Amino acid sequence: MKHLINILFLVLVSGTVLLFFNESPHFKLLLFFIGAAFFLVLSIGVIWLRANYFLRAVHKVKTPYVLLSFDDGPNPTTTPKILQTLHEHGIKALFFVIGEKAEKHPELLLQMKAQGHLIGNHTYTHPPLFALFSFRRVWEELHNGNRSIEQVTGEKPTWFRPPIGYTNPIIARAVKKMGLSVVGWNKRSFDSVIRNPETLKMRILKLTEPGSIILLHDNLEQTEIMLNAYILEAKENGTIFADEASINSLLK
């Protein structure tokens, strides 16, 4: 809807300028600024998932809970340790797994399911140029990702998170056609950039607040190392994490 409004704005304003200002010495400059404004809004829609520009995504959960979400796994070294930490604290999380990794490590998906975590589709190969793909290739990434998860768990994923969080009309159409719901985040840990576990822990503690969906990665050593200390300190601060009783209703 927002994309349609942006297009209508471009057409109406451009038409008005053409009709009333075509003989103005500033005619070309006006058209340039109109076009620049359109592409600025379009660019924000592509790179900022929270704008809900091309599709609707969930970015917060019901208070007072905090939902931890993990991308880019499963990883045979770090994911088991993260699962163990979550199990010890009775916390349920949302794992967005890469299909080809799921095929290599099905036991980790089965462990996620057995422990009551939610499992979502993060495409089959996590291509960095996913937002530039044709509809056919986007569909294949989503379909193959779903298939890989379903073959292991016996359940078809309902949640999807696009790689890097980029979207466009093609991705939106494929997601809608496949019946997936998109989950973003409102707190980004930047654990792929911050390598020091203590620094990472302190950053996430400052970000954590009721209703947060926190973006983490279960294939990173620094995330695995700091997770237990983070959870302990967050609980001391009054944080309530998603648990077995709440996990299935938080994203509805």
C-alpha atoms as a PDB file:
ATOM      1  CA  MET A   1       0.000   0.000   0.000  1.00  0.00           C
ATOM      2  CA  LYS A   2       2.766   2.462   0.878  1.00  0.00           C
ATOM      3  CA  HIS A   3       4.531   1.663  -2.390  1.00  0.00           C
ATOM      4  CA  LEU A   4       1.300   2.293  -4.326  1.00  0.00           C
ATOM      5  CA  ILE A   5       0.838   5.629  -2.551  1.00  0.00           C
ATOM      6  CA  ASN A   6       4.417   6.588  -3.415  1.00  0.00           C
ATOM      7  CA  ILE A   7       3.827   5.761  -7.101  1.00  0.00           C
ATOM      8  CA  LEU A   8       0.563   7.716  -7.155  1.00  0.00           C
ATOM      9  CA  PHE A   9       2.362  10.650  -5.544  1.00  0.00           C
ATOM     10  CA  LEU A  10       5.029  10.532  -8.253  1.00  0.00           C
ATOM     11  CA  VAL A  11       2.443  10.433 -11.044  1.00  0.00           C
ATOM     12  CA  LEU A  12       0.224  13.185  -9.641  1.00  0.00           C
ATOM     13  CA  VAL A  13       3.013  15.600  -8.749  1.00  0.00           C
ATOM     14  CA  SER A  14       4.870  14.976 -12.009  1.00  0.00           C
ATOM     15  CA  GLY A  15       1.641  15.516 -13.944  1.00  0.00           C
ATOM     16  CA  THR A  16       0.983  18.773 -12.090  1.00  0.00           C
ATOM     17  CA  VAL A  17       4.489  20.041 -12.826  1.00  0.00           C
ATOM     18  CA  LEU A  18       4.189  19.083 -16.498  1.00  0.00           C
ATOM     19  CA  LEU A  19       0.810  20.817 -16.759  1.00  0.00           C
ATOM     20  CA  PHE A  20       1.521  24.057 -14.940  1.00  0.00           C
ATOM     21  CA  PHE A  21       5.299  24.522 -14.896  1.00  0.00           C
ATOM     22  CA  ASN A  22       6.472  23.139 -18.235  1.00  0.00           C
ATOM     23  CA  GLU A  23       7.600  26.599 -19.353  1.00  0.00           C
ATOM     24  CA  SER A  24       9.263  27.490 -16.076  1.00  0.00           C
ATOM     25  CA  PRO A  25      13.063  27.902 -16.100  1.00  0.00           C
ATOM     26  CA  HIS A  26      13.082  25.563 -13.090  1.00  0.00           C
ATOM     27  CA  PHE A  27      11.057  22.837 -14.818  1.00  0.00           C
ATOM     28  CA  LYS A  28      13.881  20.273 -15.058  1.00  0.00           C
ATOM     29  CA  LEU A  29      15.004  21.020 -11.523  1.00  0.00           C
ATOM     30  CA  LEU A  30      11.491  20.407 -10.201  1.00  0.00           C
ATOM     31  CA  LEU A  31      11.306  17.073 -12.014  1.00  0.00           C
ATOM     32  CA  PHE A  32      14.700  16.127 -10.622  1.00  0.00           C
ATOM     33  CA  PHE A  33      13.633  16.796  -7.022  1.00  0.00           C
ATOM     34  CA  ILE A  34      10.369  14.904  -7.503  1.00  0.00           C
ATOM     35  CA  GLY A  35      12.252  11.903  -8.874  1.00  0.00           C
ATOM     36  CA  ALA A  36      14.865  12.117  -6.118  1.00  0.00           C
ATOM     37  CA  ALA A  37      12.168  12.180  -3.429  1.00  0.00           C
ATOM     38  CA  PHE A  38      10.480   9.144  -4.979  1.00  0.00           C
ATOM     39  CA  PHE A  39      13.675   7.104  -5.110  1.00  0.00           C
ATOM     40  CA  LEU A  40      14.646   8.161  -1.578  1.00  0.00           C
ATOM     41  CA  VAL A  41      11.391   6.804  -0.190  1.00  0.00           C
ATOM     42  CA  LEU A  42      11.781   3.719  -2.388  1.00  0.00           C
ATOM     43  CA  SER A  43      15.303   3.112  -1.087  1.00  0.00           C
ATOM     44  CA  ILE A  44      14.161   3.439   2.519  1.00  0.00           C
ATOM     45  CA  GLY A  45      11.463   0.867   1.768  1.00  0.00           C
ATOM     46  CA  VAL A  46      14.027  -1.564   0.365  1.00  0.00           C
ATOM     47  CA  ILE A  47      16.654  -1.373   3.098  1.00  0.00           C
ATOM     48  CA  TRP A  48      14.518  -0.608   6.184  1.00  0.00           C
ATOM     49  CA  LEU A  49      12.228  -3.531   6.951  1.00  0.00           C
ATOM     50  CA  ARG A  50      10.578  -1.656   9.808  1.00  0.00           C
ATOM     51  CA  ALA A  51       9.061   0.796   7.322  1.00  0.00           C
ATOM     52  CA  ASN A  52       6.614  -1.956   6.272  1.00  0.00           C
ATOM     53  CA  TYR A  53       6.810  -0.406   2.821  1.00  0.00           C
ATOM     54  CA  PHE A  54       6.397  -3.405   0.509  1.00  0.00           C
ATOM     55  CA  LEU A  55       5.008  -5.869   3.030  1.00  0.00           C
ATOM     56  CA  ARG A  56       3.840  -6.029   6.606  1.00  0.00           C
ATOM     57  CA  ALA A  57       6.332  -7.393   9.121  1.00  0.00           C
ATOM     58  CA  VAL A  58       6.112  -7.971  12.866  1.00  0.00           C
ATOM     59  CA  HIS A  59       8.743  -5.921  14.712  1.00  0.00           C
ATOM     60  CA  LYS A  60       7.554  -6.083  18.318  1.00  0.00           C
ATOM     61  CA  VAL A  61       5.911  -8.633  20.574  1.00  0.00           C
ATOM     62  CA  LYS A  62       3.342  -8.280  23.312  1.00  0.00           C
ATOM     63  CA  THR A  63       4.701  -6.735  26.477  1.00  0.00           C
ATOM     64  CA  PRO A  64       6.102  -7.572  28.957  1.00  0.00           C
ATOM     65  CA  TYR A  65       8.016 -10.218  26.986  1.00  0.00           C
ATOM     66  CA  VAL A  66      11.308 -10.060  25.105  1.00  0.00           C
ATOM     67  CA  LEU A  67      11.851 -12.411  22.161  1.00  0.00           C
ATOM     68  CA  LEU A  68      15.360 -13.473  21.185  1.00  0.00           C
ATOM     69  CA  SER A  69      15.723 -14.280  17.486  1.00  0.00           C
ATOM     70  CA  PHE A  70      18.706 -15.983  15.893  1.00  0.00           C
ATOM     71  CA  ASP A  71      19.662 -15.870  12.201  1.00  0.00           C
ATOM     72  CA  ASP A  72      22.020 -17.765   9.900  1.00  0.00           C
ATOM     73  CA  GLY A  73      22.194 -21.139  11.646  1.00  0.00           C
ATOM     74  CA  PRO A  74      22.282 -23.888  12.445  1.00  0.00           C
ATOM     75  CA  ASN A  75      25.988 -24.039  13.221  1.00  0.00           C
ATOM     76  CA  PRO A  76      27.422 -27.300  14.604  1.00  0.00           C
ATOM     77  CA  THR A  77      29.772 -25.489  17.006  1.00  0.00           C
ATOM     78  CA  THR A  78      27.803 -22.562  18.413  1.00  0.00           C
ATOM     79  CA  THR A  79      24.131 -23.493  18.002  1.00  0.00           C
ATOM     80  CA  PRO A  80      24.217 -26.461  20.452  1.00  0.00           C
ATOM     81  CA  LYS A  81      25.745 -24.248  23.149  1.00  0.00           C
ATOM     82  CA  ILE A  82      23.143 -21.551  22.555  1.00  0.00           C
ATOM     83  CA  LEU A  83      20.361 -24.124  22.726  1.00  0.00           C
ATOM     84  CA  GLN A  84      21.786 -25.452  25.980  1.00  0.00           C
ATOM     85  CA  THR A  85      21.908 -21.960  27.504  1.00  0.00           C
ATOM     86  CA  LEU A  86      18.330 -21.232  26.481  1.00  0.00           C
ATOM     87  CA  HIS A  87      17.201 -24.595  27.870  1.00  0.00           C
ATOM     88  CA  GLU A  88      18.866 -23.947  31.230  1.00  0.00           C
ATOM     89  CA  HIS A  89      16.983 -20.660  31.557  1.00  0.00           C
ATOM     90  CA  GLY A  90      13.638 -21.936  30.240  1.00  0.00           C
ATOM     91  CA  ILE A  91      13.715 -19.429  27.377  1.00  0.00           C
ATOM     92  CA  LYS A  92      12.104 -20.021  23.986  1.00  0.00           C
ATOM     93  CA  ALA A  93      13.473 -18.270  20.911  1.00  0.00           C
ATOM     94  CA  LEU A  94      12.848 -17.886  17.191  1.00  0.00           C
ATOM     95  CA  PHE A  95      15.487 -19.394  14.899  1.00  0.00           C
ATOM     96  CA  PHE A  96      15.619 -18.318  11.260  1.00  0.00           C
ATOM     97  CA  VAL A  97      17.576 -21.111   9.649  1.00  0.00           C
ATOM     98  CA  ILE A  98      19.266 -21.374   6.262  1.00  0.00           C
ATOM     99  CA  GLY A  99      17.906 -24.309   4.292  1.00  0.00           C
ATOM    100  CA  GLU A 100      21.165 -25.824   3.102  1.00  0.00           C
ATOM    101  CA  LYS A 101      22.545 -25.681   6.667  1.00  0.00           C
ATOM    102  CA  ALA A 102      19.383 -27.344   7.938  1.00  0.00           C
ATOM    103  CA  GLU A 103      19.998 -30.216   5.533  1.00  0.00           C
ATOM    104  CA  LYS A 104      23.556 -30.628   6.829  1.00  0.00           C
ATOM    105  CA  HIS A 105      22.605 -30.469  10.507  1.00  0.00           C
ATOM    106  CA  PRO A 106      19.060 -31.840  10.859  1.00  0.00           C
ATOM    107  CA  GLU A 107      19.724 -32.932  14.442  1.00  0.00           C
ATOM    108  CA  LEU A 108      19.947 -29.281  15.488  1.00  0.00           C
ATOM    109  CA  LEU A 109      16.552 -28.479  13.985  1.00  0.00           C
ATOM    110  CA  LEU A 110      15.095 -31.474  15.767  1.00  0.00           C
ATOM    111  CA  GLN A 111      16.625 -30.191  19.002  1.00  0.00           C
ATOM    112  CA  MET A 112      15.122 -26.729  18.409  1.00  0.00           C
ATOM    113  CA  LYS A 113      11.710 -28.294  17.852  1.00  0.00           C
ATOM    114  CA  ALA A 114      12.005 -30.628  20.848  1.00  0.00           C
ATOM    115  CA  GLN A 115      12.870 -27.699  23.112  1.00  0.00           C
ATOM    116  CA  GLY A 116       9.855 -25.692  21.940  1.00  0.00           C
ATOM    117  CA  HIS A 117      11.564 -23.016  19.870  1.00  0.00           C
ATOM    118  CA  LEU A 118      10.000 -21.504  16.747  1.00  0.00           C
ATOM    119  CA  ILE A 119      11.759 -22.190  13.438  1.00  0.00           C
ATOM    120  CA  GLY A 120      11.531 -19.819  10.493  1.00  0.00           C
ATOM    121  CA  ASN A 121      12.746 -19.687   6.901  1.00  0.00           C
ATOM    122  CA  HIS A 122      15.812 -17.536   6.160  1.00  0.00           C
ATOM    123  CA  THR A 123      16.049 -18.704   2.507  1.00  0.00           C
ATOM    124  CA  TYR A 124      17.888 -21.747   1.230  1.00  0.00           C
ATOM    125  CA  THR A 125      21.357 -20.264   0.633  1.00  0.00           C
ATOM    126  CA  HIS A 126      21.180 -16.746   2.173  1.00  0.00           C
ATOM    127  CA  PRO A 127      22.325 -15.028  -1.043  1.00  0.00           C
ATOM    128  CA  PRO A 128      23.758 -11.531  -0.378  1.00  0.00           C
ATOM    129  CA  LEU A 129      22.098 -10.196  -3.556  1.00  0.00           C
ATOM    130  CA  PHE A 130      18.709 -11.715  -2.750  1.00  0.00           C
ATOM    131  CA  ALA A 131      16.965  -8.352  -3.220  1.00  0.00           C
ATOM    132  CA  LEU A 132      18.152  -8.286  -6.868  1.00  0.00           C
ATOM    133  CA  PHE A 133      16.787 -11.715  -7.776  1.00  0.00           C
ATOM    134  CA  SER A 134      14.018 -12.418 -10.262  1.00  0.00           C
ATOM    135  CA  PHE A 135      10.686 -13.725  -8.995  1.00  0.00           C
ATOM    136  CA  ARG A 136      11.620 -17.262 -10.041  1.00  0.00           C
ATOM    137  CA  ARG A 137      14.861 -17.231  -8.055  1.00  0.00           C
ATOM    138  CA  VAL A 138      13.223 -15.624  -5.010  1.00  0.00           C
ATOM    139  CA  TRP A 139      10.500 -18.273  -5.149  1.00  0.00           C
ATOM    140  CA  GLU A 140      13.088 -21.050  -5.365  1.00  0.00           C
ATOM    141  CA  GLU A 141      14.960 -19.719  -2.327  1.00  0.00           C
ATOM    142  CA  LEU A 142      11.759 -19.568  -0.287  1.00  0.00           C
ATOM    143  CA  HIS A 143      10.391 -22.879  -1.540  1.00  0.00           C
ATOM    144  CA  ASN A 144      13.640 -24.769  -1.041  1.00  0.00           C
ATOM    145  CA  GLY A 145      14.116 -23.218   2.393  1.00  0.00           C
ATOM    146  CA  ASN A 146      10.617 -24.296   3.424  1.00  0.00           C
ATOM    147  CA  ARG A 147      11.128 -27.770   1.995  1.00  0.00           C
ATOM    148  CA  SER A 148      14.402 -28.284   3.862  1.00  0.00           C
ATOM    149  CA  ILE A 149      12.842 -27.351   7.192  1.00  0.00           C
ATOM    150  CA  GLU A 150       9.666 -29.352   6.610  1.00  0.00           C
ATOM    151  CA  GLN A 151      11.586 -32.482   5.626  1.00  0.00           C
ATOM    152  CA  VAL A 152      13.408 -32.412   8.960  1.00  0.00           C
ATOM    153  CA  THR A 153      10.725 -31.203  11.364  1.00  0.00           C
ATOM    154  CA  GLY A 154       7.603 -32.426   9.614  1.00  0.00           C
ATOM    155  CA  GLU A 155       6.129 -28.952   9.876  1.00  0.00           C
ATOM    156  CA  LYS A 156       5.899 -26.267   7.208  1.00  0.00           C
ATOM    157  CA  PRO A 157       7.418 -22.959   8.388  1.00  0.00           C
ATOM    158  CA  THR A 158       5.082 -20.018   8.721  1.00  0.00           C
ATOM    159  CA  TRP A 159       7.682 -17.347   9.543  1.00  0.00           C
ATOM    160  CA  PHE A 160      10.182 -15.714   7.186  1.00  0.00           C
ATOM    161  CA  ARG A 161      12.959 -13.175   7.590  1.00  0.00           C
ATOM    162  CA  PRO A 162      14.632 -11.853   4.421  1.00  0.00           C
ATOM    163  CA  PRO A 163      18.449 -11.862   4.329  1.00  0.00           C
ATOM    164  CA  ILE A 164      19.838  -8.541   5.600  1.00  0.00           C
ATOM    165  CA  GLY A 165      16.222  -7.404   5.968  1.00  0.00           C
ATOM    166  CA  TYR A 166      15.968  -6.062   2.411  1.00  0.00           C
ATOM    167  CA  THR A 167      12.613  -6.221   0.626  1.00  0.00           C
ATOM    168  CA  ASN A 168      11.082  -5.221  -2.696  1.00  0.00           C
ATOM    169  CA  PRO A 169       7.845  -5.865  -4.645  1.00  0.00           C
ATOM    170  CA  ILE A 170       9.129  -9.201  -5.971  1.00  0.00           C
ATOM    171  CA  ILE A 171       9.969 -10.521  -2.504  1.00  0.00           C
ATOM    172  CA  ALA A 172       6.634  -9.241  -1.189  1.00  0.00           C
ATOM    173  CA  ARG A 173       4.738 -11.061  -3.955  1.00  0.00           C
ATOM    174  CA  ALA A 174       6.601 -14.332  -3.370  1.00  0.00           C
ATOM    175  CA  VAL A 175       6.080 -14.130   0.399  1.00  0.00           C
ATOM    176  CA  LYS A 176       2.361 -13.491  -0.041  1.00  0.00           C
ATOM    177  CA  LYS A 177       1.960 -16.285  -2.587  1.00  0.00           C
ATOM    178  CA  MET A 178       3.705 -18.733  -0.269  1.00  0.00           C
ATOM    179  CA  GLY A 179       1.585 -17.676   2.711  1.00  0.00           C
ATOM    180  CA  LEU A 180       4.521 -16.702   4.918  1.00  0.00           C
ATOM    181  CA  SER A 181       4.467 -14.080   7.661  1.00  0.00           C
ATOM    182  CA  VAL A 182       7.498 -11.818   7.966  1.00  0.00           C
ATOM    183  CA  VAL A 183       9.219 -11.145  11.281  1.00  0.00           C
ATOM    184  CA  GLY A 184      11.714  -8.322  11.610  1.00  0.00           C
ATOM    185  CA  TRP A 185      13.203  -6.869  14.765  1.00  0.00           C
ATOM    186  CA  ASN A 186      13.283  -3.597  16.664  1.00  0.00           C
ATOM    187  CA  LYS A 187      16.589  -4.124  18.484  1.00  0.00           C
ATOM    188  CA  ARG A 188      19.693  -4.998  16.507  1.00  0.00           C
ATOM    189  CA  SER A 189      22.630  -6.395  18.453  1.00  0.00           C
ATOM    190  CA  PHE A 190      25.228  -5.915  15.701  1.00  0.00           C
ATOM    191  CA  ASP A 191      26.826  -9.123  16.966  1.00  0.00           C
ATOM    192  CA  SER A 192      28.250  -9.657  13.474  1.00  0.00           C
ATOM    193  CA  VAL A 193      30.285  -6.464  13.948  1.00  0.00           C
ATOM    194  CA  ILE A 194      31.017  -6.413  17.692  1.00  0.00           C
ATOM    195  CA  ARG A 195      33.532  -9.196  18.328  1.00  0.00           C
ATOM    196  CA  ASN A 196      34.136  -8.617  22.041  1.00  0.00           C
ATOM    197  CA  PRO A 197      31.598 -10.648  24.074  1.00  0.00           C
ATOM    198  CA  GLU A 198      31.563  -8.220  27.008  1.00  0.00           C
ATOM    199  CA  THR A 199      31.005  -5.208  24.767  1.00  0.00           C
ATOM    200  CA  LEU A 200      28.260  -7.084  22.946  1.00  0.00           C
ATOM    201  CA  LYS A 201      26.574  -8.050  26.208  1.00  0.00           C
ATOM    202  CA  MET A 202      26.559  -4.470  27.487  1.00  0.00           C
ATOM    203  CA  ARG A 203      25.092  -3.202  24.218  1.00  0.00           C
ATOM    204  CA  ILE A 204      22.227  -5.686  24.266  1.00  0.00           C
ATOM    205  CA  LEU A 205      21.480  -5.027  27.927  1.00  0.00           C
ATOM    206  CA  LYS A 206      21.015  -1.346  27.101  1.00  0.00           C
ATOM    207  CA  LEU A 207      18.723  -2.207  24.187  1.00  0.00           C
ATOM    208  CA  THR A 208      16.524  -4.712  25.993  1.00  0.00           C
ATOM    209  CA  GLU A 209      13.054  -3.486  26.909  1.00  0.00           C
ATOM    210  CA  PRO A 210       9.567  -5.042  27.080  1.00  0.00           C
ATOM    211  CA  GLY A 211       8.186  -5.911  23.659  1.00  0.00           C
ATOM    212  CA  SER A 212      11.600  -6.197  22.022  1.00  0.00           C
ATOM    213  CA  ILE A 213      12.504  -8.596  19.248  1.00  0.00           C
ATOM    214  CA  ILE A 214      16.291  -8.786  19.438  1.00  0.00           C
ATOM    215  CA  LEU A 215      18.302  -9.759  16.355  1.00  0.00           C
ATOM    216  CA  LEU A 216      21.183 -12.143  17.070  1.00  0.00           C
ATOM    217  CA  HIS A 217      23.108 -14.810  15.129  1.00  0.00           C
ATOM    218  CA  ASP A 218      23.591 -18.344  16.398  1.00  0.00           C
ATOM    219  CA  ASN A 219      26.606 -18.944  14.137  1.00  0.00           C
ATOM    220  CA  LEU A 220      28.813 -16.434  15.970  1.00  0.00           C
ATOM    221  CA  GLU A 221      31.168 -17.322  18.805  1.00  0.00           C
ATOM    222  CA  GLN A 222      30.854 -13.949  20.550  1.00  0.00           C
ATOM    223  CA  THR A 223      27.084 -14.378  20.742  1.00  0.00           C
ATOM    224  CA  GLU A 224      27.362 -17.851  22.224  1.00  0.00           C
ATOM    225  CA  ILE A 225      29.983 -16.709  24.773  1.00  0.00           C
ATOM    226  CA  MET A 226      28.052 -13.741  26.144  1.00  0.00           C
ATOM    227  CA  LEU A 227      24.532 -15.224  26.056  1.00  0.00           C
ATOM    228  CA  ASN A 228      24.410 -16.767  29.539  1.00  0.00           C
ATOM    229  CA  ALA A 229      25.780 -13.663  31.292  1.00  0.00           C
ATOM    230  CA  TYR A 230      23.421 -11.449  29.285  1.00  0.00           C
ATOM    231  CA  ILE A 231      20.377 -13.494  30.270  1.00  0.00           C
ATOM    232  CA  LEU A 232      21.363 -13.538  33.950  1.00  0.00           C
ATOM    233  CA  GLU A 233      21.859  -9.762  34.096  1.00  0.00           C
ATOM    234  CA  ALA A 234      18.755  -9.060  32.022  1.00  0.00           C
ATOM    235  CA  LYS A 235      16.649 -11.171  34.399  1.00  0.00           C
ATOM    236  CA  GLU A 236      18.129  -9.284  37.356  1.00  0.00           C
ATOM    237  CA  ASN A 237      16.935  -6.104  35.631  1.00  0.00           C
ATOM    238  CA  GLY A 238      13.412  -7.500  35.442  1.00  0.00           C
ATOM    239  CA  THR A 239      13.405  -8.723  31.850  1.00  0.00           C
ATOM    240  CA  ILE A 240      10.827 -11.410  31.068  1.00  0.00           C
ATOM    241  CA  PHE A 241      11.860 -13.591  28.150  1.00  0.00           C
ATOM    242  CA  ALA A 242       9.519 -15.648  25.983  1.00  0.00           C
ATOM    243  CA  ASP A 243       8.782 -19.000  27.566  1.00  0.00           C
ATOM    244  CA  GLU A 244       6.786 -22.115  26.786  1.00  0.00           C
ATOM    245  CA  ALA A 245       3.514 -20.523  27.829  1.00  0.00           C
ATOM    246  CA  SER A 246       3.934 -17.384  25.717  1.00  0.00           C
ATOM    247  CA  ILE A 247       6.021 -18.246  22.676  1.00  0.00           C
ATOM    248  CA  ASN A 248       3.209 -19.332  20.352  1.00  0.00           C
ATOM    249  CA  SER A 249       1.101 -16.215  20.942  1.00  0.00           C
ATOM    250  CA  LEU A 250       3.725 -13.476  20.855  1.00  0.00           C
ATOM    251  CA  LEU A 251       3.746 -12.993  17.089  1.00  0.00           C
ATOM    252  CA  LYS A 252      -0.020 -13.151  16.510  1.00  0.00           C
END
